[in-house]
Amino acid sequence: MEKVKHILQQVGLKATKSRCEVLAFLIEHHGPISIEEMQKKLAKKSPDRVTLYRMMQQYYAAGIINRVDFREGFERFEFQDHHHHHIVCTHCAVVEEFELCDADDIAKHALKHSKKFKIIKDHSLELFGLCNSCTKKGL
């Protein structure tokens, strides 16, 4: 728990018991998770939905977590221990991480050809397709 407190203090957030428990959960979870899934898995320790959402906004603003959109109509969140992206099966929803990212090249290209932008601050890249299992099933 000391590691978690240290992370929160480094980014200027008060290390309350609730914040520490939620961040520790995200660190141990390994992968994107929704607010609803967090509430279920945290069970009795879980703050209410609004508080969890506020925490995720604070953690995101502080650079501790990433927001991930798998086109489900809601966001998922994950601890940012390294820069990576995801491939998502559009049939069975299996998710795989990948670390290759040429976003700097894409950003330079986009800015070179942009008439309205001078700075890119962040990016998000999720790929969607069919996993091996669904492809074998002929989907």
Foldseek 3Di string as FASTA:
>chain_A
DVVLCVLCVVLPHHPDPLLSVLLVCQQVVPDWDFLVRSCVVCPPSDDDSVVVVVSQVVCVVSVQKDWACPPPPGITIHGPPDDWAWEAEPPPGDIDIDRDDPVVVVVVVCCVPDPPDDDDDDDHDYHYHHDPVVVVVVD
